[in-house]
């Protein structure tokens, strides 16, 4: 973020230490630089321009700063795989580390968006090979002109950003906490209230998905369905299957089709399925168990699916497993039916939870109380635990900073995508339920797009009815079932 040259920085950091003059000179010579190439605009460029325009309208006359962030340390000198901040991706389509989007207010209104990013190293520069973050170590960086063609907005050297920010006079809105250098440069110009308001605006900008986002989420669901099929194929009917094998199997599909998993996969077998966020995945799926698999492929554009199926490991539900499963299925059907434009966001949750309360009452778990009375008192929550869904997009729990009145107390609009995921979780040590129910956990989750006349289940290719699930497992285990080829896009 400074105008300091790469070579001066390398010298100051002592990276030339122990390097002979001959080697230093040798490393400057003989490199055939790549041609600039004819990179085409990315498919998302027109959509990101519209998103920036919407943000510009919200904050006229203000300087808007959205960093991509940088790698986070995993241990010592190793980092987690880099993923840029979701708001940065939403506004640019770019995945570069240490980049910063700056939207500068114009004198006649509107904003000029500029992407500050790190250009390729000059091959005569020691940073190219002496710095562990140099291109010889981490790979080629996109040139500024190339970035402009691909992303559809001006690109400048991020090392000049400090000077630009220092000269800015407009009020500043900054997405804090992702780039320490930018935070420090603007520390005396950003307040907590302004930061919170900016985060809210960025979240609410993502509530309604555009055509590009919907298509990517549809693909994420298609790829995730293949991952679930892969898991079924590795489940043993005659011996335990490690949860880690299940996790790794799905991860392979996620990396093949997309960027990664969208969140830590829940591969919960047996009593582990009663733990809502079981991510240790260090147990075994045994014949006779249920496997609760909650997983999603994150596409190469970083949109994620979020799907759950509860599967009988040996291919057949026991009578009591089926009874619990069908109660959850009925609740999910009621929840999905409540998803439509103009409906209150909470309607689908209430519809699903009321059905679960009716089943719990029929099983005698509320004693003398009726389902309605128990529901009003919240007694069902002992076994339902969580809400019935959430917004979905670049984040698995998308739009998290949106205002309550706009999100959970708002109305559904066409283009919103949310999960519907009721569940019943009977803890193995819960003495208030019949022994046959203890240790059973069931969740069914699908990704639902609000349309102009109702909804579309983006993950409908995965069966949900109990008998359909059994038939699906049997088909995938038959000798004639071939492993599908990669979808070929992501």
Protein backbone atom coordinates (compact mmCIF):
# COMPACT_ATOMS: atom_id res chain seq x y z
CA UNK A 1 0.00 0.00 0.00
CA UNK A 2 3.02 2.28 -0.25
CA UNK A 3 4.94 3.56 -3.21
CA UNK A 4 8.07 1.75 -2.01
CA UNK A 5 9.63 -0.30 -4.80
CA UNK A 6 9.63 -4.07 -4.58
CA UNK A 7 13.41 -4.17 -4.79
CA UNK A 8 13.90 -1.69 -1.96
CA UNK A 9 11.46 -3.70 0.12
CA UNK A 10 13.38 -6.88 -0.62
CA UNK A 11 16.68 -5.26 0.33
CA UNK A 12 15.23 -3.77 3.51
CA UNK A 13 13.87 -7.16 4.56
CA UNK A 14 17.29 -8.70 4.12
CA UNK A 15 16.21 -11.17 1.47
CA UNK A 16 19.37 -10.56 -0.56
CA UNK A 17 21.45 -11.75 2.39
CA UNK A 18 23.61 -14.74 1.42
CA UNK A 19 22.96 -14.27 -2.29
CA UNK A 20 25.98 -13.73 -4.49
CA UNK A 21 26.02 -10.87 -6.97
CA UNK A 22 26.41 -13.43 -9.74
CA UNK A 23 23.27 -15.32 -8.69
CA UNK A 24 21.31 -12.10 -8.27
CA UNK A 25 22.29 -11.02 -11.79
CA UNK A 26 21.64 -14.48 -13.19
CA UNK A 27 18.09 -14.50 -11.82
CA UNK A 28 17.32 -11.21 -13.59
CA UNK A 29 18.10 -12.60 -17.03
CA UNK A 30 16.67 -15.06 -19.51
CA UNK A 31 12.97 -14.85 -18.63
CA UNK A 32 10.44 -14.93 -21.45
CA UNK A 33 7.62 -12.81 -20.14
CA UNK A 34 4.09 -14.01 -20.96
CA UNK A 35 2.24 -12.16 -23.68
CA UNK A 36 -0.51 -9.82 -22.44
CA UNK A 37 -3.05 -12.10 -24.09
CA UNK A 38 -6.63 -11.44 -25.11
CA UNK A 39 -8.43 -12.16 -21.85
CA UNK A 40 -12.18 -11.71 -22.18
CA UNK A 41 -14.50 -10.11 -19.64
CA UNK A 42 -15.76 -12.61 -17.07
CA UNK A 43 -19.42 -13.59 -17.28
CA UNK A 44 -20.12 -11.84 -14.00
CA UNK A 45 -18.75 -8.42 -15.02
CA UNK A 46 -22.07 -6.91 -16.13
CA UNK A 47 -23.73 -8.09 -12.91
CA UNK A 48 -21.01 -6.77 -10.61
CA UNK A 49 -21.31 -3.37 -12.33
CA UNK A 50 -25.04 -3.29 -11.51
CA UNK A 51 -24.37 -4.27 -7.90
CA UNK A 52 -21.83 -1.45 -7.54
CA UNK A 53 -24.36 0.98 -9.00
CA UNK A 54 -26.92 -0.04 -6.36
CA UNK A 55 -24.33 0.51 -3.62
CA UNK A 56 -23.40 3.87 -5.11
CA UNK A 57 -27.01 5.05 -4.90
CA UNK A 58 -27.07 4.14 -1.20
CA UNK A 59 -23.99 6.24 -0.30
CA UNK A 60 -23.76 9.33 -2.53
CA UNK A 61 -20.69 11.50 -2.07
CA UNK A 62 -18.83 8.99 0.12
CA UNK A 63 -15.64 7.03 -0.43
CA UNK A 64 -16.44 3.30 -0.25
CA UNK A 65 -13.61 0.85 0.52
CA UNK A 66 -14.04 -2.95 0.38
CA UNK A 67 -10.89 -5.09 0.85
CA UNK A 68 -10.47 -8.66 -0.37
CA UNK A 69 -8.38 -9.58 2.68
CA UNK A 70 -5.30 -11.76 2.81
CA UNK A 71 -4.34 -15.30 3.79
CA UNK A 72 -4.84 -16.32 7.42
CA UNK A 73 -2.16 -18.23 9.34
CA UNK A 74 -3.02 -21.85 10.00
CA UNK A 75 0.15 -22.75 11.87
CA UNK A 76 3.59 -21.14 12.00
CA UNK A 77 4.43 -20.29 8.37
CA UNK A 78 1.51 -22.06 6.67
CA UNK A 79 -1.80 -20.44 5.79
CA UNK A 80 -5.32 -21.57 5.15
CA UNK A 81 -6.33 -21.58 1.47
CA UNK A 82 -7.18 -18.00 0.63
CA UNK A 83 -10.78 -16.98 0.05
CA UNK A 84 -11.61 -13.29 -0.47
CA UNK A 85 -14.31 -11.57 1.53
CA UNK A 86 -17.79 -12.28 0.20
CA UNK A 87 -18.70 -8.60 -0.18
CA UNK A 88 -15.57 -7.98 -2.25
CA UNK A 89 -16.39 -10.94 -4.52
CA UNK A 90 -20.00 -9.81 -4.88
CA UNK A 91 -18.92 -6.37 -6.10
CA UNK A 92 -16.00 -7.40 -8.32
CA UNK A 93 -16.05 -11.10 -9.24
CA UNK A 94 -12.33 -11.05 -8.41
CA UNK A 95 -10.51 -13.54 -6.17
CA UNK A 96 -7.14 -11.78 -5.76
CA UNK A 97 -5.58 -11.64 -2.32
CA UNK A 98 -4.63 -8.29 -0.76
CA UNK A 99 -6.70 -6.38 -3.32
CA UNK A 100 -9.02 -3.48 -2.44
CA UNK A 101 -12.08 -2.12 -4.23
CA UNK A 102 -12.36 1.66 -3.90
CA UNK A 103 -15.47 3.49 -5.10
CA UNK A 104 -14.60 7.15 -5.43
CA UNK A 105 -17.45 9.70 -5.46
CA UNK A 106 -17.75 11.81 -8.58
CA UNK A 107 -18.42 15.54 -8.65
CA UNK A 108 -21.58 15.05 -10.72
CA UNK A 109 -22.88 12.12 -8.67
CA UNK A 110 -22.25 8.41 -8.78
CA UNK A 111 -18.95 6.67 -8.14
CA UNK A 112 -15.90 5.62 -10.10
CA UNK A 113 -14.93 2.10 -9.06
CA UNK A 114 -11.21 1.29 -9.07
CA UNK A 115 -9.64 -2.03 -8.16
CA UNK A 116 -6.27 -1.79 -6.42
CA UNK A 117 -4.33 -5.03 -6.82
CA UNK A 118 -0.76 -6.30 -6.99
CA UNK A 119 0.61 -6.42 -10.55
CA UNK A 120 3.17 -8.97 -11.78
CA UNK A 121 6.75 -8.61 -10.57
CA UNK A 122 9.37 -7.11 -12.78
CA UNK A 123 11.69 -10.03 -13.51
CA UNK A 124 14.66 -7.83 -12.56
CA UNK A 125 13.14 -7.41 -9.15
CA UNK A 126 14.45 -9.64 -6.36
CA UNK A 127 10.94 -10.00 -4.94
CA UNK A 128 10.10 -12.25 -7.88
CA UNK A 129 12.18 -15.10 -6.49
CA UNK A 130 13.53 -14.08 -3.06
CA UNK A 131 10.20 -13.37 -1.37
CA UNK A 132 8.17 -16.48 -0.54
CA UNK A 133 5.12 -14.58 -1.82
CA UNK A 134 6.91 -13.79 -5.09
CA UNK A 135 5.61 -15.15 -8.36
CA UNK A 136 8.26 -17.85 -8.68
CA UNK A 137 6.86 -19.35 -5.46
CA UNK A 138 3.12 -18.71 -5.72
CA UNK A 139 2.45 -18.37 -9.46
CA UNK A 140 1.80 -15.69 -12.01
CA UNK A 141 -0.22 -12.63 -11.07
CA UNK A 142 -2.65 -11.03 -13.48
CA UNK A 143 -1.47 -7.79 -15.07
CA UNK A 144 -3.37 -4.55 -14.51
CA UNK A 145 -4.48 -4.22 -18.13
CA UNK A 146 -5.53 -7.86 -18.15
CA UNK A 147 -7.48 -7.32 -14.95
CA UNK A 148 -9.31 -4.38 -16.51
CA UNK A 149 -10.39 -6.54 -19.46
CA UNK A 150 -11.49 -9.45 -17.27
CA UNK A 151 -13.26 -7.53 -14.52
CA UNK A 152 -14.54 -4.54 -16.46
CA UNK A 153 -13.20 -1.86 -14.13
CA UNK A 154 -9.95 0.15 -13.87
CA UNK A 155 -7.10 -1.60 -12.05
CA UNK A 156 -4.21 0.15 -10.32
CA UNK A 157 -1.17 -0.92 -8.33
CA UNK A 158 -2.24 -1.55 -4.72
CA UNK A 159 1.10 -0.12 -3.55
CA UNK A 160 -0.20 3.33 -4.52
CA UNK A 161 -3.37 2.99 -2.45
CA UNK A 162 -1.91 4.50 0.70
CA UNK A 163 -1.20 7.77 -1.11
CA UNK A 164 -4.68 7.79 -2.62
CA UNK A 165 -6.43 7.21 0.70
CA UNK A 166 -4.35 9.89 2.39
CA UNK A 167 -5.47 12.41 -0.22
CA UNK A 168 -9.17 11.52 0.03
CA UNK A 169 -11.42 14.20 1.50
CA UNK A 170 -14.85 12.58 1.19
CA UNK A 171 -16.52 10.79 4.13
CA UNK A 172 -15.37 7.17 4.26
CA UNK A 173 -17.21 3.86 4.52
CA UNK A 174 -14.85 0.93 5.12
CA UNK A 175 -15.43 -2.80 5.51
CA UNK A 176 -13.11 -3.10 8.48
CA UNK A 177 -11.23 -6.08 9.85
CA UNK A 178 -9.94 -7.61 6.63
CA UNK A 179 -6.87 -5.56 5.68
CA UNK A 180 -4.79 -4.21 8.61
CA UNK A 181 -2.96 -1.67 6.42
CA UNK A 182 -6.19 -0.19 5.10
CA UNK A 183 -7.73 -0.18 8.59
CA UNK A 184 -4.70 1.72 9.92
CA UNK A 185 -4.74 4.22 7.06
CA UNK A 186 -8.39 5.10 7.71
CA UNK A 187 -8.51 4.56 11.48
CA UNK A 188 -9.30 8.18 12.33
CA UNK A 189 -12.00 8.48 9.66
CA UNK A 190 -14.22 5.48 10.40
CA UNK A 191 -16.67 5.10 13.28
CA UNK A 192 -18.38 1.99 14.60
CA UNK A 193 -21.81 3.26 13.56
CA UNK A 194 -20.70 4.01 10.01
CA UNK A 195 -18.98 0.61 9.79
CA UNK A 196 -22.11 -1.20 10.98
CA UNK A 197 -24.30 0.73 8.54
CA UNK A 198 -21.97 -0.14 5.66
CA UNK A 199 -21.96 -3.86 6.56
CA UNK A 200 -25.75 -3.77 6.71
CA UNK A 201 -25.98 -2.23 3.25
CA UNK A 202 -23.57 -4.78 1.79
CA UNK A 203 -25.58 -7.64 3.30
CA UNK A 204 -28.91 -6.31 2.11
CA UNK A 205 -27.50 -5.85 -1.39
CA UNK A 206 -27.22 -9.67 -1.51
CA UNK A 207 -30.73 -10.53 -0.31
CA UNK A 208 -32.20 -10.79 -3.82
CA UNK A 209 -30.07 -12.80 -6.22
CA UNK A 210 -29.59 -11.86 -9.86
CA UNK A 211 -29.61 -14.28 -12.80
CA UNK A 212 -25.91 -15.01 -12.53
CA UNK A 213 -26.16 -15.86 -8.85
CA UNK A 214 -29.21 -18.07 -9.30
CA UNK A 215 -27.50 -20.00 -12.08
CA UNK A 216 -24.42 -20.52 -9.92
CA UNK A 217 -26.48 -21.70 -6.96
CA UNK A 218 -28.34 -24.09 -9.26
CA UNK A 219 -25.01 -25.50 -10.38
CA UNK A 220 -23.83 -25.76 -6.77
CA UNK A 221 -26.88 -27.92 -6.02
CA UNK A 222 -26.24 -30.12 -9.06
CA UNK A 223 -22.63 -30.67 -8.01
CA UNK A 224 -23.65 -31.32 -4.40
CA UNK A 225 -26.13 -33.97 -5.55
CA UNK A 226 -23.26 -35.79 -7.25
CA UNK A 227 -21.29 -35.58 -4.01
CA UNK A 228 -24.15 -37.21 -2.12
CA UNK A 229 -24.23 -39.98 -4.71
CA UNK A 230 -20.49 -40.49 -4.25
CA UNK A 231 -21.04 -40.89 -0.50
CA UNK A 232 -23.77 -43.48 -0.97
CA UNK A 233 -21.39 -45.51 -3.12
CA UNK A 234 -18.76 -45.71 -0.36
CA UNK A 235 -21.18 -46.62 2.45
CA UNK A 236 -20.64 -50.24 3.51
CA UNK A 237 -23.65 -52.47 4.02
CA UNK A 238 -21.69 -55.09 5.94
CA UNK A 239 -19.09 -53.10 7.92
CA UNK A 240 -18.58 -49.65 9.44
CA UNK A 241 -17.73 -46.73 7.16
CA UNK A 242 -15.52 -44.04 8.76
CA UNK A 243 -17.08 -40.60 8.91
CA UNK A 244 -13.72 -39.26 7.72
CA UNK A 245 -14.04 -41.34 4.55
CA UNK A 246 -17.50 -39.88 4.01
CA UNK A 247 -16.14 -36.37 4.54
CA UNK A 248 -13.20 -36.95 2.20
CA UNK A 249 -15.40 -38.47 -0.48
CA UNK A 250 -17.64 -35.43 -0.59
CA UNK A 251 -14.63 -33.09 -0.48
CA UNK A 252 -13.20 -34.78 -3.57
CA UNK A 253 -16.34 -33.97 -5.52
CA UNK A 254 -16.35 -30.39 -4.19
CA UNK A 255 -12.80 -29.81 -5.39
CA UNK A 256 -13.48 -31.51 -8.72
CA UNK A 257 -16.57 -29.47 -9.53
CA UNK A 258 -15.93 -26.23 -7.67
CA UNK A 259 -13.59 -24.36 -5.36
CA UNK A 260 -14.09 -26.14 -2.04
CA UNK A 261 -16.80 -27.16 0.37
CA UNK A 262 -18.92 -24.16 1.32
CA UNK A 263 -18.62 -24.99 5.05
CA UNK A 264 -17.36 -27.82 7.23
CA UNK A 265 -19.27 -30.95 6.20
CA UNK A 266 -21.41 -32.61 8.86
CA UNK A 267 -21.04 -36.38 8.43
CA UNK A 268 -22.93 -37.48 11.52
CA UNK A 269 -23.69 -41.16 11.95
CA UNK A 270 -25.72 -42.80 14.70
CA UNK A 271 -26.00 -40.72 17.85
CA UNK A 272 -23.71 -38.06 16.33
CA UNK A 273 -26.72 -37.01 14.23
CA UNK A 274 -28.30 -35.55 17.35
CA UNK A 275 -25.48 -32.98 17.59
CA UNK A 276 -26.62 -30.13 15.37
CA UNK A 277 -23.14 -29.02 14.29
CA UNK A 278 -21.18 -32.26 14.39
CA UNK A 279 -17.99 -31.53 12.42
CA UNK A 280 -15.46 -33.77 14.20
CA UNK A 281 -16.40 -36.55 11.78
CA UNK A 282 -14.28 -39.05 13.70
CA UNK A 283 -16.88 -41.80 14.21
CA UNK A 284 -18.23 -44.60 12.08
CA UNK A 285 -21.43 -45.14 10.11
CA UNK A 286 -22.55 -48.65 10.97
CA UNK A 287 -25.21 -50.77 9.28
CA UNK A 288 -28.48 -50.04 11.04
CA UNK A 289 -27.43 -46.42 11.72
CA UNK A 290 -28.74 -43.29 10.13
CA UNK A 291 -26.19 -40.99 8.48
CA UNK A 292 -27.04 -37.29 8.60
CA UNK A 293 -25.02 -35.70 5.80
CA UNK A 294 -25.10 -31.89 5.67
CA UNK A 295 -22.75 -30.63 2.97
CA UNK A 296 -22.47 -28.22 0.07
CA UNK A 297 -20.20 -27.62 -2.91
CA UNK A 298 -18.83 -24.09 -3.22
CA UNK A 299 -18.54 -23.18 -6.90
CA UNK A 300 -15.53 -21.54 -8.48
CA UNK A 301 -17.47 -18.29 -8.24
CA UNK A 302 -17.76 -19.01 -4.48
CA UNK A 303 -21.52 -19.55 -4.21
CA UNK A 304 -22.44 -22.52 -2.03
CA UNK A 305 -25.19 -25.09 -1.80
CA UNK A 306 -26.38 -26.27 1.64
CA UNK A 307 -28.20 -29.61 1.52
CA UNK A 308 -28.95 -32.27 4.13
CA UNK A 309 -30.15 -35.82 3.67
CA UNK A 310 -30.56 -38.43 6.41
CA UNK A 311 -29.77 -41.85 4.98
CA UNK A 312 -30.10 -45.40 6.32
CA UNK A 313 -26.56 -46.73 6.09
CA UNK A 314 -27.64 -50.23 5.08
CA UNK A 315 -30.26 -48.91 2.68
CA UNK A 316 -33.47 -49.47 4.70
CA UNK A 317 -35.10 -47.43 7.45
CA UNK A 318 -36.17 -49.30 10.56
CA UNK A 319 -39.83 -48.71 11.53
CA UNK A 320 -38.94 -46.18 14.24
CA UNK A 321 -36.40 -44.43 12.01
CA UNK A 322 -39.03 -44.16 9.29
CA UNK A 323 -41.56 -42.74 11.76
CA UNK A 324 -39.21 -39.92 12.75
CA UNK A 325 -38.09 -39.37 9.17
CA UNK A 326 -41.63 -39.08 7.84
CA UNK A 327 -42.49 -36.54 10.55
CA UNK A 328 -39.57 -34.37 9.45
CA UNK A 329 -40.49 -34.85 5.79
CA UNK A 330 -44.06 -33.69 6.49
CA UNK A 331 -42.70 -30.65 8.30
CA UNK A 332 -40.39 -29.81 5.41
CA UNK A 333 -43.23 -30.13 2.91
CA UNK A 334 -45.24 -27.64 4.96
CA UNK A 335 -42.25 -25.30 5.19
CA UNK A 336 -41.52 -25.39 1.46
CA UNK A 337 -45.19 -24.77 0.64
CA UNK A 338 -45.04 -21.58 2.72
CA UNK A 339 -42.18 -20.13 0.65
CA UNK A 340 -43.70 -17.69 -1.84
CA UNK A 341 -43.41 -14.01 -2.75
CA UNK A 342 -45.06 -11.71 -0.26
CA UNK A 343 -45.07 -14.27 2.53
CA UNK A 344 -43.52 -13.27 5.83
CA UNK A 345 -40.02 -14.68 6.15
CA UNK A 346 -40.96 -16.49 9.36
CA UNK A 347 -43.95 -18.27 7.77
CA UNK A 348 -41.99 -21.27 6.53
CA UNK A 349 -40.39 -21.73 9.94
CA UNK A 350 -43.75 -21.58 11.72
CA UNK A 351 -45.38 -23.96 9.26
CA UNK A 352 -42.65 -26.59 9.67
CA UNK A 353 -42.41 -26.28 13.43
CA UNK A 354 -46.15 -26.60 13.92
CA UNK A 355 -46.14 -29.90 12.04
CA UNK A 356 -43.29 -31.19 14.21
CA UNK A 357 -45.17 -30.14 17.34
CA UNK A 358 -48.22 -32.09 16.15
CA UNK A 359 -46.16 -35.26 15.73
CA UNK A 360 -44.45 -34.83 19.09
CA UNK A 361 -47.84 -34.38 20.72
CA UNK A 362 -49.20 -37.49 18.99
CA UNK A 363 -46.24 -39.44 20.39
CA UNK A 364 -47.15 -38.29 23.89
CA UNK A 365 -44.04 -36.19 24.48
CA UNK A 366 -45.98 -33.20 25.80
CA UNK A 367 -47.98 -35.20 28.32
CA UNK A 368 -51.47 -33.80 28.66
CA UNK A 369 -50.73 -30.61 26.73
CA UNK A 370 -52.03 -30.17 23.21
CA UNK A 371 -49.72 -29.52 20.27
CA UNK A 372 -50.87 -25.90 20.10
CA UNK A 373 -50.34 -25.25 23.80
CA UNK A 374 -46.91 -26.89 23.74
CA UNK A 375 -45.98 -24.91 20.63
CA UNK A 376 -46.98 -21.61 22.23
CA UNK A 377 -44.79 -22.50 25.22
CA UNK A 378 -41.89 -23.51 22.97
CA UNK A 379 -41.71 -27.03 24.46
CA UNK A 380 -41.08 -28.56 21.03
CA UNK A 381 -37.72 -26.79 20.87
CA UNK A 382 -36.20 -29.39 23.21
CA UNK A 383 -36.17 -31.71 20.18
CA UNK A 384 -36.19 -29.30 17.21
CA UNK A 385 -33.39 -27.07 18.55
CA UNK A 386 -32.84 -24.63 15.68
CA UNK A 387 -34.60 -22.38 13.24
CA UNK A 388 -35.89 -23.92 10.02
CA UNK A 389 -33.65 -22.13 7.55
CA UNK A 390 -31.61 -19.12 6.45
CA UNK A 391 -30.61 -17.12 3.39
CA UNK A 392 -28.06 -18.73 1.08
CA UNK A 393 -25.51 -17.36 -1.39
CA UNK A 394 -21.82 -16.48 -1.18
CA UNK A 395 -22.02 -17.32 2.52
CA UNK A 396 -23.79 -20.43 3.74
CA UNK A 397 -25.58 -18.14 6.22
CA UNK A 398 -25.88 -15.29 3.76
CA UNK A 399 -26.83 -11.66 4.41
CA UNK A 400 -26.06 -12.06 8.12
CA UNK A 401 -25.69 -8.31 8.75
CA UNK A 402 -29.00 -7.34 7.18
CA UNK A 403 -31.46 -5.51 9.40
CA UNK A 404 -33.94 -7.66 11.29
CA UNK A 405 -36.84 -5.78 9.73
CA UNK A 406 -35.49 -6.44 6.24
CA UNK A 407 -34.54 -10.08 6.79
CA UNK A 408 -36.21 -12.23 9.47
CA UNK A 409 -39.10 -9.83 9.99
CA UNK A 410 -39.37 -8.95 6.31
CA UNK A 411 -41.26 -10.44 3.37
CA UNK A 412 -39.97 -12.90 0.78
CA UNK A 413 -39.25 -11.53 -2.69
CA UNK A 414 -38.61 -13.28 -6.03
CA UNK A 415 -34.89 -13.99 -6.34
CA UNK A 416 -34.29 -14.77 -2.69
CA UNK A 417 -32.73 -18.17 -2.01
CA UNK A 418 -33.12 -19.83 1.38
CA UNK A 419 -32.85 -23.21 3.01
CA UNK A 420 -35.76 -25.15 4.51
CA UNK A 421 -34.32 -27.63 6.99
CA UNK A 422 -36.52 -28.89 9.84
CA UNK A 423 -35.16 -31.62 12.07
CA UNK A 424 -35.80 -33.76 15.14
CA UNK A 425 -32.94 -34.60 17.48
CA UNK A 426 -33.47 -37.05 20.33
CA UNK A 427 -30.37 -37.05 22.51
CA UNK A 428 -29.12 -40.49 23.61
CA UNK A 429 -29.34 -39.44 27.27
CA UNK A 430 -32.80 -37.85 27.12
CA UNK A 431 -34.93 -39.82 29.56
CA UNK A 432 -38.06 -37.82 28.67
CA UNK A 433 -38.50 -39.70 25.39
CA UNK A 434 -39.13 -43.41 24.77
CA UNK A 435 -35.94 -45.43 24.64
CA UNK A 436 -36.53 -46.39 21.01
CA UNK A 437 -36.25 -42.72 20.00
CA UNK A 438 -33.06 -41.94 21.90
CA UNK A 439 -30.03 -41.37 19.70
CA UNK A 440 -32.04 -40.69 16.53
CA UNK A 441 -31.36 -37.45 14.64
CA UNK A 442 -33.06 -36.56 11.34
CA UNK A 443 -32.79 -33.42 9.22
CA UNK A 444 -33.89 -32.84 5.63
CA UNK A 445 -32.68 -29.65 3.94
CA UNK A 446 -33.20 -28.17 0.50
CA UNK A 447 -32.28 -24.91 -1.21
CA UNK A 448 -35.38 -23.01 -2.29
CA UNK A 449 -35.59 -20.14 -4.80
CA UNK A 450 -38.49 -17.72 -4.40
CA UNK A 451 -40.10 -17.27 -7.84
CA UNK A 452 -42.73 -14.84 -9.07
CA UNK A 453 -45.51 -17.40 -8.54
CA UNK A 454 -44.17 -19.62 -5.73
CA UNK A 455 -40.87 -21.39 -5.38
CA UNK A 456 -38.40 -23.74 -7.05
CA UNK A 457 -36.49 -26.43 -5.19
CA UNK A 458 -32.96 -26.10 -6.59
CA UNK A 459 -31.92 -29.38 -4.95
CA UNK A 460 -34.96 -31.41 -6.03
CA UNK A 461 -32.82 -33.96 -7.89
CA UNK A 462 -31.99 -35.56 -4.53
CA UNK A 463 -34.88 -37.75 -3.30
CA UNK A 464 -36.64 -36.87 -0.05
CA UNK A 465 -39.47 -39.35 0.51
CA UNK A 466 -38.41 -42.34 2.61
CA UNK A 467 -39.27 -44.94 -0.03
CA UNK A 468 -37.59 -42.85 -2.75
CA UNK A 469 -34.45 -42.56 -0.62
CA UNK A 470 -34.32 -46.34 -0.22
CA UNK A 471 -34.83 -46.90 -3.96
CA UNK A 472 -32.15 -44.31 -4.76
CA UNK A 473 -29.61 -46.00 -2.48
CA UNK A 474 -30.39 -49.40 -4.02
CA UNK A 475 -29.95 -48.02 -7.54
CA UNK A 476 -26.60 -46.41 -6.74
CA UNK A 477 -25.34 -49.67 -5.21
CA UNK A 478 -26.30 -51.78 -8.21
CA UNK A 479 -23.47 -53.01 -10.47
CA UNK A 480 -25.01 -51.12 -13.40
CA UNK A 481 -24.69 -47.74 -11.65
CA UNK A 482 -21.77 -45.84 -13.16
CA UNK A 483 -19.95 -42.99 -11.44
CA UNK A 484 -20.94 -39.83 -13.36
CA UNK A 485 -18.38 -37.76 -15.18
CA UNK A 486 -17.63 -34.26 -13.85
CA UNK A 487 -20.20 -31.65 -14.79
CA UNK A 488 -17.40 -29.73 -16.45
CA UNK A 489 -18.10 -26.25 -15.15
CA UNK A 490 -18.07 -24.54 -11.79
